[in-house]
Protein backbone atom coordinates (compact mmCIF):
# COMPACT_ATOMS: atom_id res chain seq x y z
CA UNK A 1 119.02 -85.02 67.02
CA UNK A 2 117.92 -81.63 65.75
CA UNK A 3 119.49 -80.26 62.56
CA UNK A 4 121.37 -77.01 62.25
CA UNK A 5 119.36 -74.00 61.08
CA UNK A 6 122.40 -72.28 59.64
CA UNK A 7 121.42 -72.84 56.01
CA UNK A 8 117.75 -71.99 56.38
CA UNK A 9 116.37 -69.55 53.81
CA UNK A 10 113.91 -67.17 55.49
CA UNK A 11 112.38 -64.23 53.68
CA UNK A 12 109.11 -63.20 55.29
CA UNK A 13 106.81 -60.84 53.41
CA UNK A 14 103.84 -60.28 55.76
CA UNK A 15 103.46 -56.89 57.41
CA UNK A 16 99.92 -56.74 58.83
CA UNK A 17 99.42 -57.32 62.55
CA UNK A 18 96.42 -57.94 64.77
CA UNK A 19 94.60 -55.11 66.52
CA UNK A 20 97.12 -54.99 69.39
CA UNK A 21 100.10 -54.82 67.02
CA UNK A 22 101.21 -58.43 67.52
CA UNK A 23 101.30 -61.11 64.83
CA UNK A 24 98.13 -63.18 64.65
CA UNK A 25 100.22 -66.28 65.40
CA UNK A 26 103.72 -66.24 66.86
CA UNK A 27 105.69 -69.43 67.48
CA UNK A 28 108.98 -68.72 69.25
CA UNK A 29 111.74 -71.32 69.59
CA UNK A 30 109.34 -74.15 70.33
CA UNK A 31 110.68 -77.57 71.23
CA UNK A 32 108.56 -80.70 71.47
CA UNK A 33 109.83 -84.16 72.27
CA UNK A 34 108.06 -87.52 72.20
CA UNK A 35 110.21 -89.87 74.24
CA UNK A 36 113.71 -89.73 72.77
CA UNK A 37 112.57 -88.12 69.53
CA UNK A 38 112.63 -84.33 69.32
CA UNK A 39 109.93 -83.52 66.77
CA UNK A 40 110.09 -79.72 66.96
CA UNK A 41 113.60 -78.32 67.26
CA UNK A 42 113.31 -74.71 68.35
CA UNK A 43 110.96 -73.80 65.53
CA UNK A 44 109.95 -70.15 65.08
CA UNK A 45 107.48 -68.53 62.72
CA UNK A 46 105.03 -65.64 62.64
CA UNK A 47 101.77 -65.38 60.72
CA UNK A 48 100.20 -61.99 60.18
CA UNK A 49 96.51 -61.19 60.48
CA UNK A 50 94.63 -62.14 57.31
CA UNK A 51 97.46 -64.24 55.88
CA UNK A 52 97.10 -67.69 54.42
CA UNK A 53 100.26 -69.65 55.14
CA UNK A 54 100.83 -73.12 53.71
CA UNK A 55 103.20 -75.50 55.46
CA UNK A 56 104.79 -78.21 53.35
CA UNK A 57 107.38 -80.87 54.02
CA UNK A 58 107.96 -84.61 54.20
CA UNK A 59 106.00 -86.94 56.46
CA UNK A 60 107.36 -86.94 59.99
CA UNK A 61 108.83 -83.45 59.74
CA UNK A 62 106.70 -82.03 62.56
CA UNK A 63 104.02 -80.22 60.56
CA UNK A 64 100.98 -81.74 62.26
CA UNK A 65 102.66 -81.59 65.67
CA UNK A 66 103.22 -77.87 65.15
CA UNK A 67 99.50 -77.28 64.54
CA UNK A 68 98.56 -79.40 67.54
CA UNK A 69 100.92 -77.36 69.71
CA UNK A 70 99.47 -74.08 68.43
CA UNK A 71 96.03 -75.31 69.51
CA UNK A 72 97.50 -76.73 72.75
CA UNK A 73 96.32 -80.22 71.92
CA UNK A 74 99.97 -81.01 72.65
CA UNK A 75 102.02 -79.30 75.34
CA UNK A 76 105.42 -77.86 74.47
CA UNK A 77 108.72 -78.48 76.24
CA UNK A 78 110.31 -75.09 75.63
CA UNK A 79 109.49 -71.86 73.86
CA UNK A 80 106.19 -70.03 73.55
CA UNK A 81 103.14 -69.74 71.31
CA UNK A 82 100.97 -66.63 71.18
CA UNK A 83 97.74 -65.77 69.39
CA UNK A 84 97.23 -62.02 68.99
CA UNK A 85 100.02 -61.50 71.51
CA UNK A 86 98.48 -63.71 74.22
CA UNK A 87 100.01 -66.99 75.35
CA UNK A 88 98.25 -70.23 74.43
CA UNK A 89 98.13 -72.90 77.13
CA UNK A 90 100.40 -71.10 79.57
CA UNK A 91 100.56 -68.10 81.89
CA UNK A 92 103.70 -66.09 82.54
CA UNK A 93 104.68 -65.44 86.13
CA UNK A 94 108.00 -63.94 87.21
CA UNK A 95 109.39 -64.67 83.76
CA UNK A 96 108.43 -68.35 83.89
CA UNK A 97 105.74 -70.13 81.87
CA UNK A 98 103.34 -72.28 83.87
CA UNK A 99 100.44 -74.40 82.64
CA UNK A 100 97.25 -72.35 82.47
CA UNK A 101 94.04 -73.42 84.17
CA UNK A 102 91.89 -75.82 82.16
CA UNK A 103 89.13 -73.22 81.81
CA UNK A 104 91.59 -70.67 80.41
CA UNK A 105 93.03 -73.22 77.99
CA UNK A 106 89.53 -74.07 76.75
CA UNK A 107 88.74 -70.38 76.26
CA UNK A 108 91.87 -69.77 74.20
CA UNK A 109 91.39 -72.96 72.22
CA UNK A 110 87.87 -71.82 71.28
CA UNK A 111 89.50 -68.92 69.42
CA UNK A 112 91.51 -71.34 67.26
CA UNK A 113 89.53 -73.41 64.77
CA UNK A 114 91.08 -76.71 63.71
CA UNK A 115 90.15 -79.02 60.86
CA UNK A 116 91.72 -82.47 60.96
CA UNK A 117 92.59 -85.06 58.32
CA UNK A 118 89.68 -87.14 59.56
CA UNK A 119 86.41 -85.34 60.01
CA UNK A 120 85.78 -86.41 63.63
CA UNK A 121 82.04 -85.78 63.37
CA UNK A 122 79.66 -87.27 65.92
CA UNK A 123 77.96 -90.11 64.00
CA UNK A 124 74.78 -89.86 66.08
CA UNK A 125 74.29 -86.15 65.38
CA UNK A 126 73.07 -84.47 62.21
CA UNK A 127 75.27 -81.99 60.38
CA UNK A 128 73.41 -79.18 62.15
CA UNK A 129 73.79 -80.94 65.49
CA UNK A 130 77.52 -81.38 64.99
CA UNK A 131 78.01 -77.69 64.21
CA UNK A 132 75.80 -76.62 67.15
CA UNK A 133 77.82 -78.54 69.73
CA UNK A 134 80.61 -75.99 70.24
CA UNK A 135 78.36 -72.92 70.47
CA UNK A 136 76.19 -74.68 73.07
CA UNK A 137 78.84 -76.40 75.20
CA UNK A 138 81.73 -73.93 74.92
CA UNK A 139 80.18 -70.56 74.02
CA UNK A 140 77.11 -71.28 76.18
CA UNK A 141 74.60 -70.09 73.60
CA UNK A 142 71.00 -71.17 73.88
CA UNK A 143 70.01 -73.96 71.52
CA UNK A 144 67.96 -71.51 69.48
CA UNK A 145 70.92 -69.13 69.13
CA UNK A 146 73.30 -71.98 68.36
CA UNK A 147 70.94 -73.34 65.73
CA UNK A 148 71.04 -70.01 63.91
CA UNK A 149 74.84 -69.80 64.13
CA UNK A 150 75.21 -73.39 62.91
CA UNK A 151 72.81 -72.90 60.02
CA UNK A 152 74.75 -69.82 58.88
CA UNK A 153 78.06 -71.70 59.09
CA UNK A 154 76.69 -74.59 57.03
CA UNK A 155 75.40 -72.10 54.47
CA UNK A 156 78.86 -70.53 54.29
CA UNK A 157 80.44 -73.84 53.26
CA UNK A 158 77.67 -74.77 50.82
CA UNK A 159 76.04 -77.33 53.10
CA UNK A 160 72.92 -75.43 54.10
CA UNK A 161 70.53 -77.97 52.60
CA UNK A 162 72.18 -80.89 54.41
CA UNK A 163 71.61 -79.79 57.99
CA UNK A 164 69.32 -82.74 58.74
CA UNK A 165 71.71 -85.32 57.26
CA UNK A 166 73.82 -87.65 59.40
CA UNK A 167 77.54 -88.13 58.62
CA UNK A 168 76.93 -91.62 57.18
CA UNK A 169 74.63 -90.03 54.59
CA UNK A 170 77.30 -87.59 53.39
CA UNK A 171 80.33 -87.98 51.14
CA UNK A 172 83.80 -87.45 52.54
CA UNK A 173 83.98 -83.99 51.00
CA UNK A 174 80.63 -83.04 52.49
CA UNK A 175 81.70 -84.31 55.91
CA UNK A 176 84.87 -82.24 55.75
CA UNK A 177 82.84 -79.16 54.83
CA UNK A 178 80.66 -79.81 57.89
CA UNK A 179 83.86 -80.03 59.95
CA UNK A 180 84.95 -76.65 58.57
CA UNK A 181 81.52 -75.21 59.42
CA UNK A 182 81.87 -76.59 62.95
CA UNK A 183 85.12 -74.65 63.37
CA UNK A 184 83.68 -71.48 61.82
CA UNK A 185 80.67 -71.56 64.15
CA UNK A 186 82.99 -70.63 67.02
CA UNK A 187 84.08 -67.44 65.18
CA UNK A 188 87.78 -68.29 65.46
CA UNK A 189 90.59 -65.76 65.17
CA UNK A 190 92.75 -68.34 63.39
CA UNK A 191 91.98 -71.49 61.40
CA UNK A 192 94.36 -74.46 61.36
CA UNK A 193 94.01 -77.12 58.65
CA UNK A 194 95.90 -80.39 59.06
CA UNK A 195 96.01 -81.96 55.58
CA UNK A 196 92.22 -81.54 55.23
CA UNK A 197 92.04 -83.33 51.87
CA UNK A 198 94.36 -86.27 52.53
CA UNK A 199 91.53 -88.66 53.49
CA UNK A 200 89.35 -87.74 50.51
CA UNK A 201 88.88 -89.45 47.18
CA UNK A 202 90.54 -87.36 44.44
CA UNK A 203 87.23 -86.27 42.92
CA UNK A 204 86.12 -84.78 46.27
CA UNK A 205 89.22 -82.72 46.97
CA UNK A 206 88.13 -79.75 44.87
CA UNK A 207 84.98 -78.98 46.85
CA UNK A 208 86.93 -78.69 50.11
CA UNK A 209 89.70 -76.60 48.55
CA UNK A 210 87.01 -74.35 47.08
CA UNK A 211 85.66 -73.59 50.55
CA UNK A 212 89.18 -72.87 51.78
CA UNK A 213 89.81 -70.50 48.87
CA UNK A 214 86.69 -68.56 49.82
CA UNK A 215 87.81 -68.36 53.45
CA UNK A 216 91.18 -67.01 52.33
CA UNK A 217 89.42 -64.37 50.25
CA UNK A 218 87.45 -63.22 53.31
CA UNK A 219 90.70 -62.50 55.16
CA UNK A 220 90.57 -65.40 57.62
CA UNK A 221 94.01 -66.06 59.11
CA UNK A 222 94.85 -69.62 58.06
CA UNK A 223 97.70 -72.09 58.60
CA UNK A 224 97.36 -75.01 56.22
CA UNK A 225 99.46 -78.17 56.31
CA UNK A 226 99.05 -79.55 52.81
CA UNK A 227 100.46 -81.65 50.00
CA UNK A 228 98.25 -79.77 47.50
CA UNK A 229 100.97 -77.71 45.84
CA UNK A 230 98.65 -76.12 43.28
CA UNK A 231 96.47 -74.85 46.13
CA UNK A 232 99.52 -73.52 47.98
CA UNK A 233 100.73 -71.74 44.87
CA UNK A 234 97.34 -70.20 44.16
CA UNK A 235 96.11 -69.21 47.62
CA UNK A 236 99.02 -68.85 50.05
CA UNK A 237 100.63 -65.53 50.86
CA UNK A 238 103.67 -67.42 52.11
CA UNK A 239 104.92 -71.00 52.11
CA UNK A 240 107.00 -72.62 54.85
CA UNK A 241 109.03 -75.73 54.08
CA UNK A 242 109.58 -77.66 57.32
CA UNK A 243 111.97 -80.57 57.71
CA UNK A 244 113.16 -82.36 60.86
CA UNK A 245 111.38 -79.92 63.13
CA UNK A 246 112.65 -76.60 61.79
CA UNK A 247 111.68 -74.08 59.12
CA UNK A 248 114.19 -74.73 56.34
CA UNK A 249 112.84 -72.24 53.82
CA UNK A 250 110.17 -69.56 53.80
CA UNK A 251 108.95 -67.08 51.24
CA UNK A 252 106.37 -66.37 48.58
CA UNK A 253 104.82 -69.35 46.78
CA UNK A 254 106.56 -68.30 43.58
CA UNK A 255 109.97 -68.34 45.21
CA UNK A 256 109.67 -71.40 47.46
CA UNK A 257 107.74 -73.63 45.06
CA UNK A 258 109.31 -72.57 41.76
CA UNK A 259 112.72 -71.17 42.73
CA UNK A 260 113.75 -72.85 46.00
CA UNK A 261 117.27 -72.17 47.24
CA UNK A 262 117.76 -74.76 49.96
CA UNK A 263 118.90 -78.15 48.61
CA UNK A 264 116.49 -79.95 50.92
CA UNK A 265 113.53 -78.00 49.50
CA UNK A 266 114.71 -78.72 45.97
CA UNK A 267 114.95 -82.44 46.71
CA UNK A 268 111.49 -82.55 48.30
CA UNK A 269 109.76 -80.78 45.42
CA UNK A 270 111.63 -82.84 42.83
CA UNK A 271 110.40 -86.06 44.45
CA UNK A 272 106.70 -85.16 44.37
CA UNK A 273 104.43 -87.60 42.50
CA UNK A 274 103.32 -86.46 39.06
CA UNK A 275 99.82 -85.64 40.34
CA UNK A 276 101.27 -83.14 42.80
CA UNK A 277 103.84 -81.52 40.54
CA UNK A 278 103.53 -77.80 40.00
CA UNK A 279 102.36 -76.42 36.72
């Protein structure tokens, strides 16, 4: 059963919009159910162009499902999701949303980069080959063009000298940086990160967060599901606390992480392990 949103604390601060005046990402009253369990309970949020938004909350609260719905890796039951004002995964006809054609879904999805907890690299391809795959198969670039795009993306994440290496020859942090390069090679409008450091050894987390900091500085629009509270406090423009499929509290990192008002947010932050506690 979905919780009430009556005590949610929402104080958005973003003002920039995309070129057409719409938010870069707009999630409107989205519901998603798996069997009898409603994971997203009419959730709404907007992310402005160039913002870095961090999404925090307990396991099972719907954070990863939200990202997968934004990228249309999961369908939604009700509501709508728009990128730069355009629907993702659906077309609107006579006021009704209908599933878009597969080709249209693929085209929209190509505009949304996603980095997963696990790197999902092709083990039989080099780092360069992994990053080239999208530009060749989806963007229909020639192999020569794609090779140049992939090399530039690897350079951007500090992996330029490892283009000939296979995933098994790379550390977890290096593999995740290749995964980020793979997303960047498609020149996405928005980047989604689903706990990108959760599968890494602690000593490798910093190199991935460093790449993400640089992306934020370039003005890339980013939604980051994370348990790295220091990163959220340092890099995010806004923080969303999600619990039981709704946004419970939203605001600046200073307010949400250091001065939360909702009792559920307070309880979550108070229960963090010592390694994740805020300075």
